[in-house]
């Protein structure tokens, strides 16, 4: 019976290019550094820093680096959906109604009133 020792995996960096929804993750595994690419929160590739393809990703379409990054991307997407978006309204769970005195006035010293 043989035992395999798993190398610890750590995230070095996440770099997002907003123009095309391209995300590049830096992953450290043992002595090697891997670059995992994502487009629209989906992993699209894994390669070593020197350009060689990751052996696990090359043969099976996924590896432990991409599995880790996919989970992290899903978490990042979920957090981004919970943030306030001014175009789609605010998140009701985080929105707090402030008293009218803190909100101030709409037009200098003049109070806003509806005309009927």
C-alpha atoms as a PDB file:
ATOM      1  CA  UNK A   1       0.000   0.000   0.000  1.00  0.00           C
ATOM      2  CA  UNK A   2       1.401   3.378  -0.985  1.00  0.00           C
ATOM      3  CA  UNK A   3       0.569   6.650   0.622  1.00  0.00           C
ATOM      4  CA  UNK A   4       0.625   9.941  -1.192  1.00  0.00           C
ATOM      5  CA  UNK A   5       1.470  13.117   0.634  1.00  0.00           C
ATOM      6  CA  UNK A   6      -0.596  16.068  -0.484  1.00  0.00           C
ATOM      7  CA  UNK A   7       1.235  19.354  -0.918  1.00  0.00           C
ATOM      8  CA  UNK A   8      -0.404  22.363   0.728  1.00  0.00           C
ATOM      9  CA  UNK A   9      -2.090  24.751  -1.692  1.00  0.00           C
ATOM     10  CA  UNK A  10      -2.202  28.479  -1.042  1.00  0.00           C
ATOM     11  CA  UNK A  11      -3.643  31.379  -2.979  1.00  0.00           C
ATOM     12  CA  UNK A  12      -1.079  34.007  -3.928  1.00  0.00           C
ATOM     13  CA  UNK A  13      -3.204  36.533  -5.807  1.00  0.00           C
ATOM     14  CA  UNK A  14      -6.415  37.213  -7.705  1.00  0.00           C
ATOM     15  CA  UNK A  15      -6.324  39.645 -10.601  1.00  0.00           C
ATOM     16  CA  UNK A  16      -9.567  40.598 -12.380  1.00  0.00           C
ATOM     17  CA  UNK A  17      -9.704  42.295 -15.766  1.00  0.00           C
ATOM     18  CA  UNK A  18     -13.089  44.035 -15.820  1.00  0.00           C
ATOM     19  CA  UNK A  19     -13.088  44.773 -19.548  1.00  0.00           C
ATOM     20  CA  UNK A  20     -13.606  41.129 -20.499  1.00  0.00           C
ATOM     21  CA  UNK A  21     -14.586  39.285 -17.237  1.00  0.00           C
ATOM     22  CA  UNK A  22     -11.196  37.528 -17.248  1.00  0.00           C
ATOM     23  CA  UNK A  23      -9.744  36.521 -13.856  1.00  0.00           C
ATOM     24  CA  UNK A  24      -6.247  35.193 -13.202  1.00  0.00           C
ATOM     25  CA  UNK A  25      -5.487  33.349  -9.939  1.00  0.00           C
ATOM     26  CA  UNK A  26      -1.977  32.677  -8.655  1.00  0.00           C
ATOM     27  CA  UNK A  27      -1.737  29.371  -6.760  1.00  0.00           C
ATOM     28  CA  UNK A  28       1.307  28.089  -4.849  1.00  0.00           C
ATOM     29  CA  UNK A  29       1.607  24.318  -4.532  1.00  0.00           C
ATOM     30  CA  UNK A  30       4.834  23.055  -3.012  1.00  0.00           C
ATOM     31  CA  UNK A  31       7.725  24.547  -4.998  1.00  0.00           C
ATOM     32  CA  UNK A  32       5.644  25.345  -8.105  1.00  0.00           C
ATOM     33  CA  UNK A  33       3.423  28.288  -8.944  1.00  0.00           C
ATOM     34  CA  UNK A  34       0.314  27.775 -11.065  1.00  0.00           C
ATOM     35  CA  UNK A  35      -1.838  30.245 -12.983  1.00  0.00           C
ATOM     36  CA  UNK A  36      -5.536  29.359 -13.091  1.00  0.00           C
ATOM     37  CA  UNK A  37      -7.723  31.326 -15.496  1.00  0.00           C
ATOM     38  CA  UNK A  38     -11.457  31.981 -15.189  1.00  0.00           C
ATOM     39  CA  UNK A  39     -13.990  33.628 -17.465  1.00  0.00           C
ATOM     40  CA  UNK A  40     -17.420  34.550 -16.051  1.00  0.00           C
ATOM     41  CA  UNK A  41     -16.739  32.621 -12.800  1.00  0.00           C
ATOM     42  CA  UNK A  42     -15.884  29.388 -14.673  1.00  0.00           C
ATOM     43  CA  UNK A  43     -12.385  27.858 -14.679  1.00  0.00           C
ATOM     44  CA  UNK A  44     -10.955  27.683 -18.199  1.00  0.00           C
ATOM     45  CA  UNK A  45      -7.370  26.545 -17.664  1.00  0.00           C
ATOM     46  CA  UNK A  46      -4.456  25.738 -15.385  1.00  0.00           C
ATOM     47  CA  UNK A  47      -0.776  26.018 -16.198  1.00  0.00           C
ATOM     48  CA  UNK A  48       2.537  26.309 -14.428  1.00  0.00           C
ATOM     49  CA  UNK A  49       4.151  29.727 -14.194  1.00  0.00           C
ATOM     50  CA  UNK A  50       6.667  28.772 -16.897  1.00  0.00           C
ATOM     51  CA  UNK A  51       3.859  28.042 -19.394  1.00  0.00           C
ATOM     52  CA  UNK A  52       3.729  24.246 -19.104  1.00  0.00           C
ATOM     53  CA  UNK A  53       0.164  22.896 -18.737  1.00  0.00           C
ATOM     54  CA  UNK A  54      -0.792  21.376 -15.394  1.00  0.00           C
ATOM     55  CA  UNK A  55      -0.677  17.586 -15.806  1.00  0.00           C
ATOM     56  CA  UNK A  56      -3.967  16.979 -13.974  1.00  0.00           C
ATOM     57  CA  UNK A  57      -5.835  19.589 -15.996  1.00  0.00           C
ATOM     58  CA  UNK A  58      -4.232  18.425 -19.233  1.00  0.00           C
ATOM     59  CA  UNK A  59      -5.440  14.831 -18.891  1.00  0.00           C
ATOM     60  CA  UNK A  60      -8.727  15.055 -16.986  1.00  0.00           C
ATOM     61  CA  UNK A  61      -9.975  18.626 -17.466  1.00  0.00           C
ATOM     62  CA  UNK A  62      -9.662  19.519 -13.785  1.00  0.00           C
ATOM     63  CA  UNK A  63      -7.075  19.394 -11.028  1.00  0.00           C
ATOM     64  CA  UNK A  64      -6.920  20.302  -7.362  1.00  0.00           C
ATOM     65  CA  UNK A  65      -5.825  23.843  -8.246  1.00  0.00           C
ATOM     66  CA  UNK A  66      -8.881  24.394 -10.427  1.00  0.00           C
ATOM     67  CA  UNK A  67     -11.193  22.753  -7.886  1.00  0.00           C
ATOM     68  CA  UNK A  68     -10.008  25.219  -5.224  1.00  0.00           C
ATOM     69  CA  UNK A  69     -10.301  28.213  -7.550  1.00  0.00           C
ATOM     70  CA  UNK A  70     -13.789  27.196  -8.720  1.00  0.00           C
ATOM     71  CA  UNK A  71     -15.037  27.174  -5.116  1.00  0.00           C
ATOM     72  CA  UNK A  72     -13.378  30.546  -4.458  1.00  0.00           C
ATOM     73  CA  UNK A  73     -14.899  32.037  -7.618  1.00  0.00           C
ATOM     74  CA  UNK A  74     -18.384  30.857  -6.620  1.00  0.00           C
ATOM     75  CA  UNK A  75     -17.907  32.476  -3.191  1.00  0.00           C
ATOM     76  CA  UNK A  76     -16.669  35.684  -4.822  1.00  0.00           C
ATOM     77  CA  UNK A  77     -19.675  35.724  -7.175  1.00  0.00           C
ATOM     78  CA  UNK A  78     -22.105  35.197  -4.282  1.00  0.00           C
ATOM     79  CA  UNK A  79     -20.527  38.047  -2.294  1.00  0.00           C
ATOM     80  CA  UNK A  80     -20.682  40.324  -5.319  1.00  0.00           C
ATOM     81  CA  UNK A  81     -24.399  39.613  -5.762  1.00  0.00           C
ATOM     82  CA  UNK A  82     -25.067  40.630  -2.153  1.00  0.00           C
ATOM     83  CA  UNK A  83     -23.364  44.015  -2.488  1.00  0.00           C
ATOM     84  CA  UNK A  84     -25.390  47.117  -3.192  1.00  0.00           C
ATOM     85  CA  UNK A  85     -26.029  47.728  -6.867  1.00  0.00           C
ATOM     86  CA  UNK A  86     -27.399  51.213  -7.617  1.00  0.00           C
ATOM     87  CA  UNK A  87     -28.877  50.113 -10.957  1.00  0.00           C
ATOM     88  CA  UNK A  88     -30.915  47.271  -9.482  1.00  0.00           C
ATOM     89  CA  UNK A  89     -31.784  48.717  -6.080  1.00  0.00           C
ATOM     90  CA  UNK A  90     -30.315  47.955  -2.728  1.00  0.00           C
ATOM     91  CA  UNK A  91     -30.143  44.763  -0.767  1.00  0.00           C
ATOM     92  CA  UNK A  92     -33.072  44.876   1.675  1.00  0.00           C
ATOM     93  CA  UNK A  93     -31.262  42.802   4.304  1.00  0.00           C
ATOM     94  CA  UNK A  94     -28.506  45.434   4.682  1.00  0.00           C
ATOM     95  CA  UNK A  95     -30.539  48.583   4.066  1.00  0.00           C
ATOM     96  CA  UNK A  96     -31.171  50.622   7.200  1.00  0.00           C
ATOM     97  CA  UNK A  97     -33.720  53.424   7.293  1.00  0.00           C
ATOM     98  CA  UNK A  98     -32.174  56.597   8.702  1.00  0.00           C
ATOM     99  CA  UNK A  99     -34.198  59.148  10.650  1.00  0.00           C
ATOM    100  CA  UNK A 100     -35.410  62.136   8.627  1.00  0.00           C
ATOM    101  CA  UNK A 101     -33.182  64.520  10.602  1.00  0.00           C
ATOM    102  CA  UNK A 102     -30.054  62.684   9.415  1.00  0.00           C
ATOM    103  CA  UNK A 103     -31.169  62.608   5.779  1.00  0.00           C
ATOM    104  CA  UNK A 104     -31.247  66.397   5.549  1.00  0.00           C
ATOM    105  CA  UNK A 105     -33.304  68.420   3.127  1.00  0.00           C
ATOM    106  CA  UNK A 106     -33.737  68.081  -0.593  1.00  0.00           C
ATOM    107  CA  UNK A 107     -33.428  71.746  -1.570  1.00  0.00           C
ATOM    108  CA  UNK A 108     -31.229  73.649   0.833  1.00  0.00           C
ATOM    109  CA  UNK A 109     -33.333  75.018   3.705  1.00  0.00           C
ATOM    110  CA  UNK A 110     -36.631  74.432   1.920  1.00  0.00           C
ATOM    111  CA  UNK A 111     -38.596  71.365   2.942  1.00  0.00           C
ATOM    112  CA  UNK A 112     -39.999  69.137   0.235  1.00  0.00           C
ATOM    113  CA  UNK A 113     -43.787  68.947   0.046  1.00  0.00           C
ATOM    114  CA  UNK A 114     -46.164  67.412  -2.437  1.00  0.00           C
ATOM    115  CA  UNK A 115     -48.408  69.775  -4.350  1.00  0.00           C
ATOM    116  CA  UNK A 116     -52.023  68.751  -4.601  1.00  0.00           C
END
